[in-house]
Protein backbone atom coordinates (compact mmCIF):
# COMPACT_ATOMS: atom_id res chain seq x y z
CA MET A 1 -47.20 -22.04 -6.38
CA SER A 2 -46.43 -25.56 -5.12
CA ILE A 3 -45.98 -26.29 -1.43
CA THR A 4 -42.26 -26.87 -2.02
CA ASP A 5 -41.91 -23.54 -3.83
CA ALA A 6 -43.90 -21.76 -1.12
CA LYS A 7 -41.63 -23.15 1.60
CA GLN A 8 -38.50 -22.17 -0.33
CA ASP A 9 -39.91 -18.68 -0.88
CA PHE A 10 -40.66 -18.39 2.84
CA GLU A 11 -37.20 -19.60 3.84
CA THR A 12 -35.55 -17.04 1.56
CA TRP A 13 -37.75 -14.28 2.96
CA HIS A 14 -37.18 -15.29 6.58
CA ALA A 15 -33.41 -15.62 6.14
CA ALA A 16 -33.35 -12.02 4.88
CA ARG A 17 -35.40 -10.92 7.90
CA GLU A 18 -33.05 -12.65 10.35
CA GLN A 19 -30.07 -11.08 8.60
CA ASP A 20 -31.69 -7.65 8.98
CA LEU A 21 -32.34 -8.28 12.69
CA GLY A 22 -28.67 -9.17 13.20
CA THR A 23 -27.14 -6.07 11.60
CA ALA A 24 -24.73 -3.99 13.68
CA TYR A 25 -27.38 -1.44 14.69
CA GLY A 26 -30.50 -3.58 14.26
CA TRP A 27 -33.13 -4.31 16.89
CA LEU A 28 -30.87 -6.82 18.64
CA SER A 29 -28.30 -4.11 19.40
CA ILE A 30 -30.47 -2.02 21.77
CA VAL A 31 -28.99 -1.87 25.28
CA ALA A 32 -30.75 1.07 26.95
CA PHE A 33 -33.72 3.43 26.80
CA ASP A 34 -33.92 6.66 28.83
CA TRP A 35 -36.56 9.37 28.91
CA LEU A 36 -34.98 12.83 28.90
CA PRO A 37 -36.10 15.15 31.71
CA THR A 38 -36.19 18.95 31.54
CA THR A 39 -33.09 19.22 33.76
CA ALA A 40 -29.68 17.95 32.63
CA ILE A 41 -28.77 14.43 33.79
CA ALA A 42 -26.10 11.83 33.12
CA LEU A 43 -27.10 8.68 31.22
CA GLN A 44 -25.54 5.36 32.12
CA GLY A 45 -23.37 4.18 29.25
CA LEU A 46 -22.89 7.63 27.69
CA PRO A 47 -20.82 10.70 28.61
CA GLY A 48 -22.27 14.21 28.78
CA LYS A 49 -25.37 15.78 30.29
CA TRP A 50 -28.72 15.23 28.58
CA TRP A 51 -32.12 16.95 28.73
CA ALA A 52 -35.09 17.99 26.61
CA ASP A 53 -37.91 20.52 26.33
CA ASP A 54 -41.11 20.36 24.32
CA GLU A 55 -39.31 21.12 21.06
CA ARG A 56 -35.81 19.62 21.13
CA ALA A 57 -33.37 17.31 22.90
CA TYR A 58 -30.00 18.60 24.14
CA VAL A 59 -26.62 17.30 25.22
CA ARG A 60 -23.55 19.02 26.61
CA ALA A 61 -20.29 17.16 26.05
CA GLU A 62 -16.54 17.68 26.09
CA GLY A 63 -15.42 15.89 22.94
CA GLU A 64 -16.27 12.28 23.87
CA LEU A 65 -19.33 12.20 21.58
CA THR A 66 -19.17 12.67 17.82
CA LEU A 67 -21.71 14.17 15.43
CA GLY A 68 -21.13 13.47 11.76
CA GLY A 69 -17.58 12.35 12.60
CA GLU A 70 -16.73 15.56 14.48
CA PRO A 71 -16.27 15.76 18.28
CA VAL A 72 -18.99 17.61 20.20
CA HIS A 73 -17.57 20.37 22.39
CA GLY A 74 -20.24 22.22 24.31
CA GLU A 75 -23.95 22.01 23.61
CA THR A 76 -25.78 20.52 20.64
CA SER A 77 -29.44 19.75 20.07
CA ALA A 78 -31.74 17.91 17.69
CA SER A 79 -35.42 17.19 17.07
CA VAL A 80 -37.37 14.36 15.50
CA ALA A 81 -40.97 13.75 14.47
CA GLU A 82 -43.39 11.86 16.70
CA ALA A 83 -42.86 8.08 16.36
CA GLY A 84 -39.65 8.78 14.43
CA SER A 85 -36.00 8.26 15.26
CA LEU A 86 -32.67 9.88 14.52
CA SER A 87 -29.24 8.22 14.53
CA TRP A 88 -27.87 11.19 16.42
CA LEU A 89 -24.50 10.74 18.14
CA LEU A 90 -21.76 8.16 18.54
CA TYR A 91 -19.68 7.25 21.58
CA GLY A 92 -17.06 5.03 20.02
CA ASP A 93 -19.26 2.53 18.18
CA ARG A 94 -22.21 2.98 20.56
CA LEU A 95 -25.07 4.89 18.91
CA ALA A 96 -27.21 7.41 20.79
CA GLU A 97 -30.50 7.31 18.89
CA LEU A 98 -33.03 10.07 19.53
CA VAL A 99 -36.72 9.12 19.55
CA LEU A 100 -39.97 10.96 20.26
CA ARG A 101 -42.73 8.86 21.77
CA GLY A 102 -46.00 10.21 23.13
CA GLY A 103 -44.61 13.76 22.97
CA ARG A 104 -41.56 12.90 25.09
CA TYR A 105 -37.96 12.68 23.95
CA ALA A 106 -35.84 9.66 24.83
CA VAL A 107 -32.40 8.33 23.98
CA ARG A 108 -32.14 4.73 22.88
CA GLN A 109 -28.64 3.24 22.88
CA ARG A 110 -27.57 0.70 20.24
CA ASP A 111 -24.35 -1.27 20.70
CA PRO A 112 -23.05 -3.78 18.12
CA ARG A 113 -21.55 -5.76 21.03
CA ALA A 114 -24.92 -6.26 22.77
CA SER A 115 -25.37 -9.74 24.22
CA THR A 116 -28.74 -10.03 22.47
CA ARG A 117 -26.99 -9.61 19.13
CA ARG A 118 -23.98 -11.79 19.89
CA GLY A 119 -26.16 -14.63 21.13
CA PHE A 120 -28.74 -14.45 18.33
CA SER A 121 -29.33 -17.81 16.65
CA GLY A 122 -32.46 -17.04 14.66
CA VAL A 123 -36.22 -16.74 15.19
CA PRO A 124 -38.17 -20.01 15.48
CA THR A 125 -41.27 -20.36 13.30
CA TYR A 126 -44.21 -22.67 12.88
CA PRO A 127 -44.11 -25.03 9.86
CA VAL A 128 -45.25 -23.32 6.67
CA THR A 129 -48.69 -24.47 5.54
CA PRO A 130 -51.07 -23.23 2.80
CA ASP A 131 -53.94 -23.49 5.32
CA TRP A 132 -52.85 -20.13 6.75
CA VAL A 133 -52.99 -18.29 3.41
CA VAL A 134 -56.46 -16.75 3.25
CA THR A 135 -58.41 -14.19 1.24
CA ALA A 136 -59.99 -11.39 3.25
CA TYR A 137 -61.92 -8.22 2.35
CA TYR A 138 -61.03 -4.63 3.14
CA THR A 139 -63.42 -1.81 3.92
CA PRO A 140 -61.63 1.58 4.00
CA TYR A 141 -62.74 4.37 6.30
CA SER A 142 -64.01 7.55 4.68
CA GLN A 143 -60.96 9.15 6.28
CA PRO A 144 -58.09 7.80 8.43
CA SER A 145 -58.69 7.75 12.18
CA ARG A 146 -56.19 8.28 15.02
CA VAL A 147 -56.59 5.60 17.66
CA GLU A 148 -54.86 5.57 21.05
CA VAL A 149 -53.29 2.26 22.00
CA SER A 150 -51.16 0.87 24.78
CA THR A 151 -47.56 -0.09 24.05
CA ALA A 152 -44.83 -2.47 25.14
CA ARG A 153 -44.01 0.06 27.90
CA SER A 154 -46.33 0.58 30.86
CA ASP A 155 -45.37 4.29 30.95
CA LEU A 156 -46.28 5.05 27.34
CA ARG A 157 -49.38 5.28 25.20
CA GLN A 158 -49.27 6.14 21.50
CA HIS A 159 -51.58 6.80 18.57
CA VAL A 160 -51.80 4.76 15.39
CA THR A 161 -53.56 5.81 12.19
CA ALA A 162 -56.29 3.33 11.32
CA VAL A 163 -57.30 3.30 7.65
CA GLY A 164 -60.09 0.70 7.61
CA THR A 165 -61.14 -2.80 8.60
CA VAL A 166 -60.27 -6.22 7.23
CA HIS A 167 -62.93 -8.92 7.34
CA VAL A 168 -61.48 -12.43 7.57
CA ALA A 169 -62.92 -15.89 8.28
CA LEU A 170 -60.77 -18.26 10.35
CA GLY A 171 -61.67 -21.52 12.06
CA GLY A 172 -65.36 -21.14 11.25
CA SER A 173 -65.60 -17.65 12.78
CA ALA A 174 -65.67 -14.20 11.21
CA TYR A 175 -63.36 -11.46 12.47
CA GLU A 176 -62.99 -7.76 11.82
CA LEU A 177 -59.49 -6.35 12.30
CA VAL A 178 -58.55 -2.68 12.27
CA ALA A 179 -55.78 -2.05 9.74
CA THR A 180 -53.03 0.53 9.33
CA ALA A 181 -51.27 1.39 6.08
CA ALA A 182 -48.13 -0.56 5.21
CA GLY A 183 -47.13 1.09 1.91
CA GLY A 184 -47.47 -0.16 -1.62
CA GLY A 185 -51.22 -0.57 -1.23
CA ARG A 186 -50.70 -3.14 1.53
CA LEU A 187 -52.09 -3.20 5.06
CA ALA A 188 -50.61 -3.98 8.48
CA LEU A 189 -52.61 -6.04 10.95
CA SER A 190 -51.44 -6.25 14.55
CA PHE A 191 -53.38 -8.84 16.52
CA HIS A 192 -53.65 -11.01 19.59
CA ASP A 193 -54.41 -14.73 19.35
CA LYS A 194 -54.50 -17.75 21.64
CA THR A 195 -50.82 -18.63 21.21
CA ASN A 196 -49.72 -15.37 22.88
CA GLY A 197 -47.66 -15.63 26.04
CA GLU A 198 -46.90 -19.33 25.70
CA GLU A 199 -45.68 -20.05 22.19
CA THR A 200 -45.57 -16.51 20.83
CA ALA A 201 -45.00 -12.91 21.92
CA PRO A 202 -47.87 -10.98 23.58
CA TRP A 203 -48.93 -9.83 20.12
CA ARG A 204 -47.68 -10.10 16.55
CA THR A 205 -48.24 -8.43 13.18
CA VAL A 206 -48.69 -9.47 9.57
CA THR A 207 -48.53 -7.41 6.37
CA THR A 208 -51.11 -8.23 3.74
CA GLY A 209 -50.75 -8.26 -0.01
CA ALA A 210 -51.93 -5.24 -2.01
CA VAL A 211 -55.66 -4.54 -1.87
CA GLU A 212 -57.37 -5.54 -5.12
CA LYS A 213 -59.99 -3.43 -6.93
CA ASP A 214 -62.78 -5.58 -5.52
CA GLY A 215 -61.50 -5.03 -1.97
CA SER A 216 -60.07 -8.51 -1.62
CA VAL A 217 -56.70 -8.87 0.06
CA LEU A 218 -54.44 -11.87 0.61
CA ILE A 219 -53.17 -12.58 4.12
CA ASP A 220 -50.33 -15.06 4.49
CA PHE A 221 -50.22 -15.73 8.22
CA ASN A 222 -47.06 -17.78 7.65
CA ARG A 223 -45.36 -14.37 7.44
CA THR A 224 -46.62 -13.17 10.81
CA ILE A 225 -43.67 -11.58 12.61
CA ASN A 226 -42.58 -10.42 16.03
CA LEU A 227 -42.33 -6.70 16.69
CA PRO A 228 -39.06 -5.35 18.15
CA PHE A 229 -40.27 -5.60 21.77
CA ALA A 230 -40.11 -9.39 21.40
CA PHE A 231 -36.31 -9.13 21.11
CA THR A 232 -35.46 -6.34 23.54
CA ALA A 233 -36.71 -4.98 26.85
CA TYR A 234 -36.40 -1.47 25.41
CA GLY A 235 -39.07 -1.64 22.71
CA THR A 236 -41.85 0.97 22.47
CA CYS A 237 -44.05 -0.98 20.03
CA PRO A 238 -47.75 -0.05 19.81
CA ALA A 239 -50.14 -2.81 20.86
CA PRO A 240 -53.02 -3.90 18.60
CA VAL A 241 -56.09 -1.69 18.44
CA HIS A 242 -58.67 -2.82 20.98
CA GLY A 243 -60.70 -5.62 19.44
CA ASN A 244 -57.95 -6.95 17.17
CA ARG A 245 -58.13 -10.35 18.81
CA LEU A 246 -58.49 -13.68 17.05
CA GLY A 247 -60.29 -16.33 19.09
CA LEU A 248 -58.13 -19.22 17.96
CA PRO A 249 -54.43 -20.14 18.05
CA VAL A 250 -52.68 -18.77 14.97
CA THR A 251 -50.08 -21.50 14.63
CA ALA A 252 -48.24 -19.74 11.85
CA GLY A 253 -45.35 -17.33 11.54
CA GLU A 254 -42.75 -16.43 14.13
CA LYS A 255 -42.69 -17.92 17.60
CA LYS A 256 -41.38 -16.45 20.84
CA VAL A 257 -37.60 -16.00 20.96
CA ARG A 258 -36.35 -17.97 23.97
């Protein structure tokens, strides 16, 4: 692929990503995040009383909330898998999304009128260059391993499922990054590098190509992206596994949104 074709391919891909970010209930629409206690409380921005136990989340309302288009009168409840989410209830066009993080239920509110969505003008990126397209090698674990990591929230730790390590040479140094599965035979690599905090978010992630039979895998760092916490104060994104740190500035992919 020529440099011109590669840049056009990247621009098409990144335009689709920005369009996805800007959808009515995308990551730019999040306006609140509240842990649910065991006793019923009111949540700012939503009617009703909300609470949770170890198994389910509950709300008691008087018709202001809707579930599947029908008003909620009285009590209703729902559950969701760990690290999952459920588009649960609507208050007008404001969505009450149920999430389970670290064994605790929370409600995340998404509003199409959020200022972060209305003011979105795109995600800046570094110039595309073939220098950041590299071949690495993957060593799978004998079995997946659960690893505890910190997150974008100081009050939350989560587990990720590590499937192996990716060995990559950059800037004259060799690195070993812990990988998680990304579907379609691909791998996800969350990492820190020396651009973090100044030019980029505190950490970023890149999805590799499919692993080949010989264990080789293509990494296009031009497609390094920000995780949701880079766009909203209400993100719960897992941080990289300890040790996933590149000792050079990765001047490729998405920059910090200012």
